[in-house]
Amino acid sequence: LFPYARDNVGRHLDATYGSAETQQDIK
């Protein structure tokens, strides 16, 4: 789980950057 999150954090943020959910995570 931890490596999956680490390896995919950039891809996830890039793909969902404009969503309300991701913006809340960024906040």
PDB file of all heavy atoms in Angstrom:
ATOM      1  N   LEU A   1       0.813  -1.222   0.000  1.00  0.00           N
ATOM      2  CA  LEU A   1       0.000   0.000   0.000  1.00  0.00           C
ATOM      3  C   LEU A   1       0.846   1.271   0.000  1.00  0.00           C
ATOM      4  O   LEU A   1       0.611   2.180  -0.810  1.00  0.00           O
ATOM      5  CB  LEU A   1      -0.942  -0.001   1.206  1.00  0.00           C
ATOM      6  CG  LEU A   1      -2.070  -1.034   1.181  1.00  0.00           C
ATOM      7  CD1 LEU A   1      -2.963  -0.871   2.405  1.00  0.00           C
ATOM      8  CD2 LEU A   1      -2.902  -0.910  -0.094  1.00  0.00           C
ATOM      9  N   PHE A   2       1.817   1.341   0.910  1.00  0.00           N
ATOM     10  CA  PHE A   2       2.632   2.561   0.980  1.00  0.00           C
ATOM     11  C   PHE A   2       3.395   2.811  -0.319  1.00  0.00           C
ATOM     12  O   PHE A   2       3.387   3.936  -0.843  1.00  0.00           O
ATOM     13  CB  PHE A   2       3.601   2.486   2.166  1.00  0.00           C
ATOM     14  CG  PHE A   2       2.952   2.764   3.498  1.00  0.00           C
ATOM     15  CD1 PHE A   2       3.679   2.689   4.679  1.00  0.00           C
ATOM     16  CD2 PHE A   2       1.613   3.103   3.588  1.00  0.00           C
ATOM     17  CE1 PHE A   2       3.090   2.938   5.903  1.00  0.00           C
ATOM     18  CE2 PHE A   2       1.000   3.359   4.810  1.00  0.00           C
ATOM     19  CZ  PHE A   2       1.746   3.270   5.968  1.00  0.00           C
ATOM     20  N   PRO A   3       4.069   1.798  -0.878  1.00  0.00           N
ATOM     21  CA  PRO A   3       4.769   2.044  -2.152  1.00  0.00           C
ATOM     22  C   PRO A   3       3.807   2.440  -3.272  1.00  0.00           C
ATOM     23  O   PRO A   3       4.158   3.276  -4.118  1.00  0.00           O
ATOM     24  CB  PRO A   3       5.439   0.691  -2.439  1.00  0.00           C
ATOM     25  CG  PRO A   3       5.612   0.067  -1.103  1.00  0.00           C
ATOM     26  CD  PRO A   3       4.410   0.461  -0.329  1.00  0.00           C
ATOM     27  N   TYR A   4       2.625   1.846  -3.304  1.00  0.00           N
ATOM     28  CA  TYR A   4       1.666   2.205  -4.353  1.00  0.00           C
ATOM     29  C   TYR A   4       1.293   3.683  -4.246  1.00  0.00           C
ATOM     30  O   TYR A   4       1.234   4.394  -5.253  1.00  0.00           O
ATOM     31  CB  TYR A   4       0.411   1.343  -4.249  1.00  0.00           C
ATOM     32  CG  TYR A   4      -0.581   1.596  -5.366  1.00  0.00           C
ATOM     33  CD1 TYR A   4      -0.524   0.883  -6.548  1.00  0.00           C
ATOM     34  CD2 TYR A   4      -1.558   2.584  -5.244  1.00  0.00           C
ATOM     35  CE1 TYR A   4      -1.418   1.119  -7.584  1.00  0.00           C
ATOM     36  CE2 TYR A   4      -2.456   2.840  -6.272  1.00  0.00           C
ATOM     37  CZ  TYR A   4      -2.385   2.110  -7.440  1.00  0.00           C
ATOM     38  OH  TYR A   4      -3.263   2.365  -8.461  1.00  0.00           O
ATOM     39  N   ALA A   5       1.025   4.126  -3.010  1.00  0.00           N
ATOM     40  CA  ALA A   5       0.680   5.537  -2.821  1.00  0.00           C
ATOM     41  C   ALA A   5       1.849   6.439  -3.193  1.00  0.00           C
ATOM     42  O   ALA A   5       1.677   7.460  -3.876  1.00  0.00           O
ATOM     43  CB  ALA A   5       0.265   5.779  -1.373  1.00  0.00           C
ATOM     44  N   ARG A   6       3.059   6.058  -2.782  1.00  0.00           N
ATOM     45  CA  ARG A   6       4.244   6.871  -3.076  1.00  0.00           C
ATOM     46  C   ARG A   6       4.497   6.954  -4.573  1.00  0.00           C
ATOM     47  O   ARG A   6       4.771   8.023  -5.112  1.00  0.00           O
ATOM     48  CB  ARG A   6       5.458   6.267  -2.367  1.00  0.00           C
ATOM     49  CG  ARG A   6       6.744   7.076  -2.538  1.00  0.00           C
ATOM     50  CD  ARG A   6       7.940   6.294  -2.043  1.00  0.00           C
ATOM     51  NE  ARG A   6       8.133   5.076  -2.835  1.00  0.00           N
ATOM     52  CZ  ARG A   6       8.254   3.861  -2.301  1.00  0.00           C
ATOM     53  NH1 ARG A   6       8.191   3.686  -1.001  1.00  0.00           N
ATOM     54  NH2 ARG A   6       8.442   2.804  -3.089  1.00  0.00           N
ATOM     55  N   ASP A   7       4.375   5.837  -5.245  1.00  0.00           N
ATOM     56  CA  ASP A   7       4.680   5.793  -6.680  1.00  0.00           C
ATOM     57  C   ASP A   7       3.611   6.462  -7.533  1.00  0.00           C
ATOM     58  O   ASP A   7       3.869   6.823  -8.691  1.00  0.00           O
ATOM     59  CB  ASP A   7       4.860   4.341  -7.132  1.00  0.00           C
ATOM     60  CG  ASP A   7       6.051   3.666  -6.461  1.00  0.00           C
ATOM     61  OD1 ASP A   7       6.908   4.389  -5.927  1.00  0.00           O
ATOM     62  OD2 ASP A   7       6.095   2.419  -6.459  1.00  0.00           O
ATOM     63  N   ASN A   8       2.421   6.609  -7.001  1.00  0.00           N
ATOM     64  CA  ASN A   8       1.308   7.122  -7.812  1.00  0.00           C
ATOM     65  C   ASN A   8       0.803   8.483  -7.362  1.00  0.00           C
ATOM     66  O   ASN A   8      -0.178   8.978  -7.935  1.00  0.00           O
ATOM     67  CB  ASN A   8       0.152   6.122  -7.805  1.00  0.00           C
ATOM     68  CG  ASN A   8       0.450   4.877  -8.611  1.00  0.00           C
ATOM     69  OD1 ASN A   8       0.313   4.858  -9.827  1.00  0.00           O
ATOM     70  ND2 ASN A   8       0.882   3.825  -7.928  1.00  0.00           N
ATOM     71  N   VAL A   9       1.433   9.084  -6.378  1.00  0.00           N
ATOM     72  CA  VAL A   9       0.918  10.359  -5.873  1.00  0.00           C
ATOM     73  C   VAL A   9       0.954  11.437  -6.959  1.00  0.00           C
ATOM     74  O   VAL A   9      -0.006  12.205  -7.122  1.00  0.00           O
ATOM     75  CB  VAL A   9       1.687  10.807  -4.607  1.00  0.00           C
ATOM     76  CG1 VAL A   9       3.170  11.009  -4.886  1.00  0.00           C
ATOM     77  CG2 VAL A   9       1.081  12.081  -4.037  1.00  0.00           C
ATOM     78  N   GLY A  10       2.043  11.493  -7.718  1.00  0.00           N
ATOM     79  CA  GLY A  10       2.139  12.499  -8.774  1.00  0.00           C
ATOM     80  C   GLY A  10       1.097  12.285  -9.863  1.00  0.00           C
ATOM     81  O   GLY A  10       0.437  13.231 -10.306  1.00  0.00           O
ATOM     82  N   ARG A  11       0.939  11.039 -10.286  1.00  0.00           N
ATOM     83  CA  ARG A  11      -0.043  10.712 -11.321  1.00  0.00           C
ATOM     84  C   ARG A  11      -1.466  11.026 -10.848  1.00  0.00           C
ATOM     85  O   ARG A  11      -2.277  11.581 -11.598  1.00  0.00           O
ATOM     86  CB  ARG A  11       0.068   9.234 -11.690  1.00  0.00           C
ATOM     87  CG  ARG A  11      -0.859   8.811 -12.832  1.00  0.00           C
ATOM     88  CD  ARG A  11      -0.733   7.339 -13.159  1.00  0.00           C
ATOM     89  NE  ARG A  11      -1.309   6.499 -12.110  1.00  0.00           N
ATOM     90  CZ  ARG A  11      -1.481   5.188 -12.223  1.00  0.00           C
ATOM     91  NH1 ARG A  11      -1.074   4.554 -13.324  1.00  0.00           N
ATOM     92  NH2 ARG A  11      -2.010   4.484 -11.244  1.00  0.00           N
ATOM     93  N   HIS A  12      -1.743  10.684  -9.600  1.00  0.00           N
ATOM     94  CA  HIS A  12      -3.080  10.927  -9.039  1.00  0.00           C
ATOM     95  C   HIS A  12      -3.379  12.423  -8.973  1.00  0.00           C
ATOM     96  O   HIS A  12      -4.452  12.873  -9.385  1.00  0.00           O
ATOM     97  CB  HIS A  12      -3.174  10.311  -7.645  1.00  0.00           C
ATOM     98  CG  HIS A  12      -4.434  10.669  -6.908  1.00  0.00           C
ATOM     99  ND1 HIS A  12      -5.632  10.029  -7.125  1.00  0.00           N
ATOM    100  CD2 HIS A  12      -4.678  11.627  -5.960  1.00  0.00           C
ATOM    101  CE1 HIS A  12      -6.561  10.558  -6.353  1.00  0.00           C
ATOM    102  NE2 HIS A  12      -6.009  11.527  -5.632  1.00  0.00           N
ATOM    103  N   LEU A  13      -2.433  13.216  -8.458  1.00  0.00           N
ATOM    104  CA  LEU A  13      -2.648  14.654  -8.329  1.00  0.00           C
ATOM    105  C   LEU A  13      -2.805  15.313  -9.696  1.00  0.00           C
ATOM    106  O   LEU A  13      -3.642  16.209  -9.877  1.00  0.00           O
ATOM    107  CB  LEU A  13      -1.489  15.293  -7.564  1.00  0.00           C
ATOM    108  CG  LEU A  13      -1.394  14.950  -6.071  1.00  0.00           C
ATOM    109  CD1 LEU A  13      -0.088  15.493  -5.488  1.00  0.00           C
ATOM    110  CD2 LEU A  13      -2.586  15.504  -5.308  1.00  0.00           C
ATOM    111  N   ASP A  14      -2.028  14.857 -10.656  1.00  0.00           N
ATOM    112  CA  ASP A  14      -2.109  15.427 -12.003  1.00  0.00           C
ATOM    113  C   ASP A  14      -3.459  15.129 -12.651  1.00  0.00           C
ATOM    114  O   ASP A  14      -4.072  15.998 -13.279  1.00  0.00           O
ATOM    115  CB  ASP A  14      -0.975  14.868 -12.869  1.00  0.00           C
ATOM    116  CG  ASP A  14      -0.998  15.448 -14.286  1.00  0.00           C
ATOM    117  OD1 ASP A  14      -0.929  16.686 -14.419  1.00  0.00           O
ATOM    118  OD2 ASP A  14      -1.104  14.659 -15.241  1.00  0.00           O
ATOM    119  N   ALA A  15      -3.950  13.893 -12.482  1.00  0.00           N
ATOM    120  CA  ALA A  15      -5.200  13.481 -13.135  1.00  0.00           C
ATOM    121  C   ALA A  15      -6.428  14.080 -12.481  1.00  0.00           C
ATOM    122  O   ALA A  15      -7.453  14.286 -13.133  1.00  0.00           O
ATOM    123  CB  ALA A  15      -5.295  11.957 -13.139  1.00  0.00           C
ATOM    124  N   THR A  16      -6.342  14.375 -11.182  1.00  0.00           N
ATOM    125  CA  THR A  16      -7.541  14.819 -10.442  1.00  0.00           C
ATOM    126  C   THR A  16      -7.390  16.226  -9.879  1.00  0.00           C
ATOM    127  O   THR A  16      -8.178  16.631  -9.024  1.00  0.00           O
ATOM    128  CB  THR A  16      -7.832  13.842  -9.288  1.00  0.00           C
ATOM    129  OG1 THR A  16      -6.733  13.884  -8.352  1.00  0.00           O
ATOM    130  CG2 THR A  16      -8.009  12.425  -9.801  1.00  0.00           C
ATOM    131  N   TYR A  17      -6.405  16.963 -10.342  1.00  0.00           N
ATOM    132  CA  TYR A  17      -6.034  18.238  -9.719  1.00  0.00           C
ATOM    133  C   TYR A  17      -7.218  19.193  -9.572  1.00  0.00           C
ATOM    134  O   TYR A  17      -7.353  19.881  -8.560  1.00  0.00           O
ATOM    135  CB  TYR A  17      -4.945  18.913 -10.551  1.00  0.00           C
ATOM    136  CG  TYR A  17      -4.294  20.098  -9.862  1.00  0.00           C
ATOM    137  CD1 TYR A  17      -3.317  19.908  -8.888  1.00  0.00           C
ATOM    138  CD2 TYR A  17      -4.649  21.404 -10.186  1.00  0.00           C
ATOM    139  CE1 TYR A  17      -2.704  20.974  -8.261  1.00  0.00           C
ATOM    140  CE2 TYR A  17      -4.051  22.483  -9.561  1.00  0.00           C
ATOM    141  CZ  TYR A  17      -3.079  22.270  -8.598  1.00  0.00           C
ATOM    142  OH  TYR A  17      -2.500  23.338  -7.976  1.00  0.00           O
ATOM    143  N   GLY A  18      -8.094  19.236 -10.546  1.00  0.00           N
ATOM    144  CA  GLY A  18      -9.189  20.206 -10.507  1.00  0.00           C
ATOM    145  C   GLY A  18     -10.396  19.756  -9.721  1.00  0.00           C
ATOM    146  O   GLY A  18     -11.345  20.545  -9.529  1.00  0.00           O
ATOM    147  N   SER A  19     -10.412  18.527  -9.208  1.00  0.00           N
ATOM    148  CA  SER A  19     -11.577  18.025  -8.487  1.00  0.00           C
ATOM    149  C   SER A  19     -11.639  18.629  -7.080  1.00  0.00           C
ATOM    150  O   SER A  19     -10.617  18.972  -6.483  1.00  0.00           O
ATOM    151  CB  SER A  19     -11.541  16.504  -8.392  1.00  0.00           C
ATOM    152  OG  SER A  19     -10.500  16.083  -7.526  1.00  0.00           O
ATOM    153  N   ALA A  20     -12.853  18.737  -6.562  1.00  0.00           N
ATOM    154  CA  ALA A  20     -13.050  19.286  -5.212  1.00  0.00           C
ATOM    155  C   ALA A  20     -12.385  18.399  -4.170  1.00  0.00           C
ATOM    156  O   ALA A  20     -11.825  18.896  -3.179  1.00  0.00           O
ATOM    157  CB  ALA A  20     -14.550  19.423  -4.925  1.00  0.00           C
ATOM    158  N   GLU A  21     -12.426  17.086  -4.400  1.00  0.00           N
ATOM    159  CA  GLU A  21     -11.825  16.145  -3.458  1.00  0.00           C
ATOM    160  C   GLU A  21     -10.321  16.356  -3.347  1.00  0.00           C
ATOM    161  O   GLU A  21      -9.768  16.445  -2.245  1.00  0.00           O
ATOM    162  CB  GLU A  21     -12.134  14.722  -3.915  1.00  0.00           C
ATOM    163  CG  GLU A  21     -11.635  13.631  -2.999  1.00  0.00           C
ATOM    164  CD  GLU A  21     -12.059  12.261  -3.510  1.00  0.00           C
ATOM    165  OE1 GLU A  21     -11.395  11.733  -4.433  1.00  0.00           O
ATOM    166  OE2 GLU A  21     -13.061  11.730  -3.004  1.00  0.00           O
ATOM    167  N   THR A  22      -9.649  16.453  -4.489  1.00  0.00           N
ATOM    168  CA  THR A  22      -8.198  16.643  -4.476  1.00  0.00           C
ATOM    169  C   THR A  22      -7.824  18.020  -3.954  1.00  0.00           C
ATOM    170  O   THR A  22      -6.824  18.172  -3.229  1.00  0.00           O
ATOM    171  CB  THR A  22      -7.622  16.425  -5.888  1.00  0.00           C
ATOM    172  OG1 THR A  22      -7.825  15.060  -6.261  1.00  0.00           O
ATOM    173  CG2 THR A  22      -6.135  16.739  -5.933  1.00  0.00           C
ATOM    174  N   GLN A  23      -8.601  19.022  -4.279  1.00  0.00           N
ATOM    175  CA  GLN A  23      -8.320  20.358  -3.749  1.00  0.00           C
ATOM    176  C   GLN A  23      -8.428  20.378  -2.231  1.00  0.00           C
ATOM    177  O   GLN A  23      -7.667  21.075  -1.557  1.00  0.00           O
ATOM    178  CB  GLN A  23      -9.269  21.380  -4.378  1.00  0.00           C
ATOM    179  CG  GLN A  23      -8.918  21.755  -5.815  1.00  0.00           C
ATOM    180  CD  GLN A  23      -7.527  22.350  -5.929  1.00  0.00           C
ATOM    181  OE1 GLN A  23      -7.178  23.292  -5.204  1.00  0.00           O
ATOM    182  NE2 GLN A  23      -6.713  21.812  -6.846  1.00  0.00           N
ATOM    183  N   GLN A  24      -9.367  19.599  -1.677  1.00  0.00           N
ATOM    184  CA  GLN A  24      -9.477  19.502  -0.229  1.00  0.00           C
ATOM    185  C   GLN A  24      -8.265  18.786   0.348  1.00  0.00           C
ATOM    186  O   GLN A  24      -7.731  19.173   1.401  1.00  0.00           O
ATOM    187  CB  GLN A  24     -10.761  18.762   0.156  1.00  0.00           C
ATOM    188  CG  GLN A  24     -10.957  18.555   1.654  1.00  0.00           C
ATOM    189  CD  GLN A  24     -11.054  19.850   2.439  1.00  0.00           C
ATOM    190  OE1 GLN A  24     -11.426  20.895   1.901  1.00  0.00           O
ATOM    191  NE2 GLN A  24     -10.718  19.800   3.722  1.00  0.00           N
ATOM    192  N   ASP A  25      -7.798  17.739  -0.346  1.00  0.00           N
ATOM    193  CA  ASP A  25      -6.583  17.047   0.100  1.00  0.00           C
ATOM    194  C   ASP A  25      -5.384  17.996   0.095  1.00  0.00           C
ATOM    195  O   ASP A  25      -4.561  17.987   1.022  1.00  0.00           O
ATOM    196  CB  ASP A  25      -6.285  15.854  -0.820  1.00  0.00           C
ATOM    197  CG  ASP A  25      -7.265  14.706  -0.620  1.00  0.00           C
ATOM    198  OD1 ASP A  25      -7.930  14.682   0.434  1.00  0.00           O
ATOM    199  OD2 ASP A  25      -7.355  13.850  -1.515  1.00  0.00           O
ATOM    200  N   ILE A  26      -5.275  18.807  -0.958  1.00  0.00           N
ATOM    201  CA  ILE A  26      -4.165  19.757  -1.063  1.00  0.00           C
ATOM    202  C   ILE A  26      -4.255  20.797   0.058  1.00  0.00           C
ATOM    203  O   ILE A  26      -3.237  21.182   0.651  1.00  0.00           O
ATOM    204  CB  ILE A  26      -4.166  20.435  -2.449  1.00  0.00           C
ATOM    205  CG1 ILE A  26      -3.827  19.410  -3.533  1.00  0.00           C
ATOM    206  CG2 ILE A  26      -3.178  21.596  -2.487  1.00  0.00           C
ATOM    207  CD1 ILE A  26      -3.951  19.947  -4.957  1.00  0.00           C
ATOM    208  N   LYS A  27      -5.464  21.229   0.361  1.00  0.00           N
ATOM    209  CA  LYS A  27      -5.651  22.204   1.443  1.00  0.00           C
ATOM    210  C   LYS A  27      -5.158  21.635   2.770  1.00  0.00           C
ATOM    211  O   LYS A  27      -4.469  22.321   3.548  1.00  0.00           O
ATOM    212  CB  LYS A  27      -7.130  22.580   1.536  1.00  0.00           C
ATOM    213  CG  LYS A  27      -7.448  23.600   2.622  1.00  0.00           C
ATOM    214  CD  LYS A  27      -8.941  23.925   2.636  1.00  0.00           C
ATOM    215  CE  LYS A  27      -9.273  24.910   3.761  1.00  0.00           C
ATOM    216  NZ  LYS A  27     -10.733  25.219   3.791  1.00  0.00           N
TER     217      LYS A  27
END
